[in-house]
Amino acid sequence: MAEIPNFATLFSLNGKIALVTGGSTGIGYYIAAAFMRAGASKVIITSRKEDGLREAVDKLNAIRGLTGRASYIVSNISTMDGVEKLVADLRKVLPEGKLDILVNNAAASWGGSFEEYDDWKVAKTFDVNVRAVFNLTRRLQPMLMAAGTRDDPARNIIVSSVGGITVPHVGQTGAIAYSASKAAAHHLGRNFAMELVPHNITTNIIAPGWFPTRLANPAIEKAGGEEAAGAVNPMGRLGVPEDIAGVVVYLCSRAGRYVNGEDISIDGGVRLMNSSAANHIANVRSKAKL
């Protein structure tokens, strides 16, 4: 059996500096907490609302046994001016100009029939879910380049959605602008993977399914609540924080340094469901209970 050098630290983020947009709640918060637990020295979270950021940072820094610290920057990356301000503010708190990990997680979504969909909602959805990812990544490229090496690249993670892969909802419960924007985010990530890798920066995309979060909860409620929504998943449940944590720590640690341009769905397999698969799973579970 081949020896694996330094296996004990393979999944460590010791000394790493990370920025997580939309990091005060939901999946962004799970990611920030995972980075802290994995040993990151600095985890900086952003969003538009300072009260939520302050509360999240207090909770992160209260985690026992940490070697690093969390902090926040108030930002609105839906505009180019907001992106430029975030980059300027980040340089103030990181005077060495190095950023090991960028997580493009901030997102916007509205549901409803596309025939009656307001144009401003379409614009805002694409501004946050696509344009902000594009502009923030290119503006932070110099800081990522400064941190990355061939043996340990800087990491760019795009948080997309299985809604960018499948068409899970239509009509009044549809989210067509969100779904299209997330499909764009997937392909943007693939382009980044090729564009940035010569500069020792890898890019990967994660696509969560339903996790009980502020963004997903309205759709979960329309599906009958967490128990009902989980029951139709092949694994019989919704996502939990550990499901996100394991994937992002893998991608951002030495364990994932040779992974570039991948789409990883974190959805229990629900994107693969059809009526035949649903019936099979229901029958197997029914027999197992007998």
Protein backbone atom coordinates (compact mmCIF):
# COMPACT_ATOMS: atom_id res chain seq x y z
CA MET A 1 0.00 0.00 0.00
CA ALA A 2 1.40 3.37 -1.02
CA GLU A 3 2.33 5.73 1.76
CA ILE A 4 0.22 8.90 2.06
CA PRO A 5 2.44 11.65 3.50
CA ASN A 6 0.98 13.86 6.22
CA PHE A 7 -2.38 12.11 6.16
CA ALA A 8 -3.23 13.46 9.62
CA THR A 9 -3.40 17.00 8.20
CA LEU A 10 -4.87 16.12 4.79
CA PHE A 11 -8.20 17.78 5.61
CA SER A 12 -6.74 20.67 7.61
CA LEU A 13 -7.16 24.35 6.72
CA ASN A 14 -4.57 25.42 9.25
CA GLY A 15 -3.47 29.00 8.59
CA LYS A 16 -5.84 29.59 5.67
CA ILE A 17 -7.73 32.85 5.11
CA ALA A 18 -11.24 32.60 3.67
CA LEU A 19 -13.95 34.98 2.47
CA VAL A 20 -17.55 33.72 2.40
CA THR A 21 -20.19 35.93 0.80
CA GLY A 22 -23.67 35.60 2.24
CA GLY A 23 -22.01 34.01 5.25
CA SER A 24 -24.27 35.15 8.08
CA THR A 25 -27.03 32.55 7.60
CA GLY A 26 -27.82 29.20 6.03
CA ILE A 27 -25.32 27.42 3.84
CA GLY A 28 -22.86 30.31 3.96
CA TYR A 29 -22.82 30.12 7.75
CA TYR A 30 -22.36 26.33 7.63
CA ILE A 31 -19.35 26.84 5.37
CA ALA A 32 -17.84 29.51 7.60
CA ALA A 33 -18.28 27.29 10.67
CA ALA A 34 -16.68 24.35 8.83
CA PHE A 35 -13.66 26.44 7.92
CA MET A 36 -13.28 27.57 11.52
CA ARG A 37 -13.49 23.99 12.76
CA ALA A 38 -10.90 22.90 10.19
CA GLY A 39 -8.35 25.37 11.52
CA ALA A 40 -8.60 28.43 9.26
CA SER A 41 -6.81 31.41 10.78
CA LYS A 42 -9.27 34.00 9.45
CA VAL A 43 -12.80 33.59 8.15
CA ILE A 44 -14.42 36.77 6.88
CA ILE A 45 -18.14 36.71 6.16
CA THR A 46 -20.14 39.31 4.25
CA SER A 47 -23.76 40.32 3.71
CA ARG A 48 -25.85 43.47 3.54
CA LYS A 49 -27.13 43.41 7.14
CA GLU A 50 -24.70 44.23 9.92
CA ASP A 51 -26.90 42.93 12.75
CA GLY A 52 -26.97 39.46 11.24
CA LEU A 53 -23.24 39.53 10.54
CA ARG A 54 -22.43 40.57 14.11
CA GLU A 55 -24.59 37.80 15.53
CA ALA A 56 -23.04 35.19 13.22
CA VAL A 57 -19.48 36.25 14.04
CA ASP A 58 -20.21 36.10 17.76
CA LYS A 59 -21.48 32.52 17.35
CA LEU A 60 -18.49 31.52 15.22
CA ASN A 61 -15.97 32.92 17.68
CA ALA A 62 -17.75 31.17 20.55
CA ILE A 63 -16.92 27.74 19.09
CA ARG A 64 -14.60 25.99 21.53
CA GLY A 65 -11.06 25.04 20.63
CA LEU A 66 -10.63 27.43 17.73
CA THR A 67 -7.21 28.58 16.55
CA GLY A 68 -8.56 31.31 14.26
CA ARG A 69 -11.04 34.18 14.36
CA ALA A 70 -14.08 35.20 12.39
CA SER A 71 -14.86 38.76 11.33
CA TYR A 72 -17.24 40.48 8.94
CA ILE A 73 -17.51 43.13 6.25
CA VAL A 74 -20.85 44.72 5.38
CA SER A 75 -21.29 44.64 1.61
CA ASN A 76 -23.81 44.68 -1.20
CA ILE A 77 -22.25 42.87 -4.15
CA SER A 78 -25.29 43.20 -6.42
CA THR A 79 -23.64 46.28 -7.98
CA MET A 80 -20.15 46.86 -9.34
CA ASP A 81 -19.65 49.68 -6.83
CA GLY A 82 -20.50 47.24 -4.06
CA VAL A 83 -17.98 44.72 -5.37
CA GLU A 84 -15.26 47.37 -5.56
CA LYS A 85 -16.01 48.51 -2.01
CA LEU A 86 -15.82 44.96 -0.68
CA VAL A 87 -12.45 44.41 -2.36
CA ALA A 88 -11.13 47.70 -0.97
CA ASP A 89 -12.39 46.86 2.53
CA LEU A 90 -10.88 43.39 2.30
CA ARG A 91 -7.47 44.80 1.39
CA LYS A 92 -7.61 46.96 4.51
CA VAL A 93 -8.03 43.94 6.78
CA LEU A 94 -5.62 41.78 4.76
CA PRO A 95 -2.66 44.12 4.20
CA GLU A 96 -0.48 41.28 2.85
CA GLY A 97 -2.93 41.02 -0.05
CA LYS A 98 -3.41 37.25 0.16
CA LEU A 99 -6.67 35.29 0.13
CA ASP A 100 -6.56 31.49 0.16
CA ILE A 101 -10.27 30.73 -0.28
CA LEU A 102 -13.13 32.63 -1.92
CA VAL A 103 -16.64 31.23 -1.51
CA ASN A 104 -19.18 32.86 -3.82
CA ASN A 105 -22.29 31.96 -1.84
CA ALA A 106 -24.54 35.05 -1.74
CA ALA A 107 -27.76 34.43 -3.64
CA ALA A 108 -31.15 35.93 -4.45
CA SER A 109 -34.36 34.14 -5.42
CA TRP A 110 -38.05 34.76 -5.96
CA GLY A 111 -40.73 32.29 -6.97
CA GLY A 112 -43.88 32.59 -9.04
CA SER A 113 -45.30 32.19 -12.51
CA PHE A 114 -42.93 33.40 -15.21
CA GLU A 115 -45.81 35.04 -17.14
CA GLU A 116 -46.30 37.45 -14.25
CA TYR A 117 -42.68 37.70 -13.11
CA ASP A 118 -41.44 41.22 -12.38
CA ASP A 119 -38.45 42.30 -14.45
CA TRP A 120 -36.68 43.81 -11.45
CA LYS A 121 -36.67 40.37 -9.83
CA VAL A 122 -35.02 38.89 -12.92
CA ALA A 123 -32.39 41.65 -12.88
CA LYS A 124 -31.68 41.32 -9.16
CA THR A 125 -31.44 37.53 -9.37
CA PHE A 126 -28.86 37.67 -12.15
CA ASP A 127 -27.02 40.60 -10.55
CA VAL A 128 -26.40 38.61 -7.36
CA ASN A 129 -26.18 35.04 -8.66
CA VAL A 130 -24.13 35.64 -11.81
CA ARG A 131 -22.70 39.14 -12.23
CA ALA A 132 -21.50 39.36 -8.62
CA VAL A 133 -19.76 35.99 -8.91
CA PHE A 134 -18.06 37.06 -12.14
CA ASN A 135 -17.01 40.50 -10.91
CA LEU A 136 -15.92 39.54 -7.40
CA THR A 137 -13.83 36.65 -8.68
CA ARG A 138 -11.99 38.75 -11.23
CA ARG A 139 -11.42 41.60 -8.78
CA LEU A 140 -10.06 39.19 -6.16
CA GLN A 141 -7.93 37.24 -8.63
CA PRO A 142 -4.72 39.12 -7.61
CA MET A 143 -5.23 38.22 -3.93
CA LEU A 144 -5.94 34.59 -4.79
CA MET A 145 -2.88 34.50 -7.06
CA ALA A 146 -0.74 35.87 -4.25
CA ALA A 147 -1.83 33.01 -1.97
CA GLY A 148 -1.85 30.07 -4.38
CA THR A 149 1.02 27.81 -5.40
CA ARG A 150 1.23 24.89 -7.80
CA ASP A 151 1.27 22.42 -4.91
CA ASP A 152 -1.40 24.24 -2.90
CA PRO A 153 -3.63 26.36 -5.15
CA ALA A 154 -5.97 29.05 -3.91
CA ARG A 155 -9.60 27.91 -4.08
CA ASN A 156 -12.64 29.51 -5.66
CA ILE A 157 -15.89 27.82 -4.65
CA ILE A 158 -19.20 28.70 -6.30
CA VAL A 159 -22.32 27.68 -4.40
CA SER A 160 -24.92 26.93 -7.04
CA SER A 161 -28.02 24.73 -6.69
CA VAL A 162 -29.52 21.55 -8.09
CA GLY A 163 -32.09 24.00 -9.45
CA GLY A 164 -29.37 24.92 -11.96
CA ILE A 165 -29.24 21.29 -13.15
CA THR A 166 -32.87 20.18 -13.10
CA VAL A 167 -36.32 21.79 -13.42
CA PRO A 168 -37.82 20.86 -10.04
CA HIS A 169 -40.64 23.41 -9.98
CA VAL A 170 -42.85 25.07 -12.58
CA GLY A 171 -45.94 27.26 -12.68
CA GLN A 172 -46.87 29.19 -9.56
CA THR A 173 -44.21 27.38 -7.52
CA GLY A 174 -41.53 27.85 -10.18
CA ALA A 175 -38.29 29.78 -9.77
CA ILE A 176 -37.29 30.06 -13.41
CA ALA A 177 -34.99 33.09 -13.08
CA TYR A 178 -33.21 31.53 -10.11
CA SER A 179 -32.84 28.22 -11.94
CA ALA A 180 -31.46 29.88 -15.07
CA SER A 181 -29.06 32.02 -13.04
CA LYS A 182 -27.72 28.96 -11.24
CA ALA A 183 -27.24 27.15 -14.55
CA ALA A 184 -25.18 30.15 -15.61
CA ALA A 185 -23.19 29.94 -12.37
CA HIS A 186 -22.32 26.31 -13.14
CA HIS A 187 -20.90 27.18 -16.55
CA LEU A 188 -19.20 30.28 -15.19
CA GLY A 189 -17.40 27.99 -12.75
CA ARG A 190 -16.23 25.71 -15.55
CA ASN A 191 -14.84 28.72 -17.41
CA PHE A 192 -13.11 29.96 -14.25
CA ALA A 193 -11.56 26.52 -13.81
CA MET A 194 -9.70 26.91 -17.09
CA GLU A 195 -9.14 30.65 -16.88
CA LEU A 196 -7.66 30.71 -13.38
CA VAL A 197 -5.77 27.43 -13.04
CA PRO A 198 -2.62 28.78 -14.77
CA HIS A 199 -2.50 31.27 -11.89
CA ASN A 200 -2.64 28.48 -9.27
CA ILE A 201 -6.34 28.95 -8.52
CA THR A 202 -8.82 26.10 -8.78
CA THR A 203 -12.58 26.54 -9.14
CA ASN A 204 -15.28 24.06 -8.21
CA ILE A 205 -19.05 24.26 -7.95
CA ILE A 206 -21.24 22.74 -5.26
CA ALA A 207 -24.96 22.33 -5.88
CA PRO A 208 -27.00 21.86 -2.71
CA GLY A 209 -30.49 20.51 -2.74
CA TRP A 210 -32.93 21.46 -0.02
CA PHE A 211 -31.43 22.46 3.29
CA PRO A 212 -33.66 24.21 5.85
CA THR A 213 -32.45 27.79 5.27
CA ARG A 214 -34.02 31.20 4.87
CA LEU A 215 -33.70 30.95 1.09
CA ALA A 216 -35.15 27.45 0.79
CA ASN A 217 -37.76 27.50 3.55
CA PRO A 218 -40.58 29.07 1.48
CA ALA A 219 -40.30 26.28 -1.10
CA ILE A 220 -39.99 23.64 1.63
CA GLU A 221 -43.17 24.95 3.25
CA LYS A 222 -45.01 24.81 -0.08
CA ALA A 223 -43.95 21.17 -0.31
CA GLY A 224 -45.61 20.42 3.02
CA GLY A 225 -42.79 21.18 5.46
CA GLU A 226 -39.46 19.56 6.28
CA GLU A 227 -40.82 16.08 7.01
CA ALA A 228 -42.88 15.88 3.83
CA ALA A 229 -40.12 17.39 1.68
CA GLY A 230 -37.58 15.01 3.16
CA ALA A 231 -39.81 12.00 2.61
CA VAL A 232 -39.62 12.33 -1.19
CA ASN A 233 -35.82 12.47 -1.17
CA PRO A 234 -34.10 9.15 -1.98
CA MET A 235 -32.35 9.35 1.38
CA GLY A 236 -35.55 10.19 3.21
CA ARG A 237 -34.38 13.49 4.65
CA LEU A 238 -33.28 17.02 3.87
CA GLY A 239 -29.68 18.20 4.06
CA VAL A 240 -27.95 19.01 7.35
CA PRO A 241 -24.92 21.26 8.01
CA GLU A 242 -22.44 18.37 8.12
CA ASP A 243 -23.34 17.49 4.53
CA ILE A 244 -22.07 20.87 3.34
CA ALA A 245 -19.13 20.99 5.76
CA GLY A 246 -17.58 17.75 4.59
CA VAL A 247 -17.59 18.73 0.93
CA VAL A 248 -16.21 22.26 1.31
CA VAL A 249 -13.44 21.20 3.70
CA TYR A 250 -12.47 18.45 1.26
CA LEU A 251 -12.34 20.86 -1.68
CA CYS A 252 -10.42 23.57 0.18
CA SER A 253 -7.90 21.36 1.98
CA ARG A 254 -4.95 19.43 0.55
CA ALA A 255 -7.36 16.53 0.01
CA GLY A 256 -8.97 18.47 -2.84
CA ARG A 257 -6.03 20.32 -4.32
CA TYR A 258 -6.10 18.33 -7.59
CA VAL A 259 -9.85 18.81 -8.13
CA ASN A 260 -10.71 21.54 -10.64
CA GLY A 261 -13.85 22.35 -12.61
CA GLU A 262 -16.09 19.83 -10.86
CA ASP A 263 -19.81 20.09 -10.11
CA ILE A 264 -20.68 18.32 -6.87
CA SER A 265 -24.36 17.92 -6.06
CA ILE A 266 -25.25 17.69 -2.36
CA ASP A 267 -28.87 16.62 -2.59
CA GLY A 268 -29.20 12.96 -1.58
CA GLY A 269 -29.72 12.08 -5.24
CA VAL A 270 -33.05 13.87 -5.64
CA ARG A 271 -31.97 15.37 -8.98
CA LEU A 272 -32.04 11.83 -10.40
CA MET A 273 -35.57 11.07 -9.31
CA ASN A 274 -38.37 10.14 -11.69
CA SER A 275 -41.68 8.37 -11.10
CA SER A 276 -40.12 4.92 -11.57
CA ALA A 277 -37.32 5.61 -9.12
CA ALA A 278 -39.74 7.14 -6.62
CA ASN A 279 -41.99 4.08 -6.76
CA HIS A 280 -39.04 1.71 -6.35
CA ILE A 281 -37.70 3.56 -3.33
CA ALA A 282 -41.16 3.71 -1.75
CA ASN A 283 -41.64 -0.03 -2.28
CA VAL A 284 -38.26 -0.91 -0.77
CA ARG A 285 -38.91 1.26 2.26
CA SER A 286 -42.38 -0.19 2.67
CA LYS A 287 -41.05 -3.77 2.66
CA ALA A 288 -38.25 -2.84 5.06
CA LYS A 289 -40.85 -1.77 7.62
CA LEU A 290 -42.72 -5.08 7.47
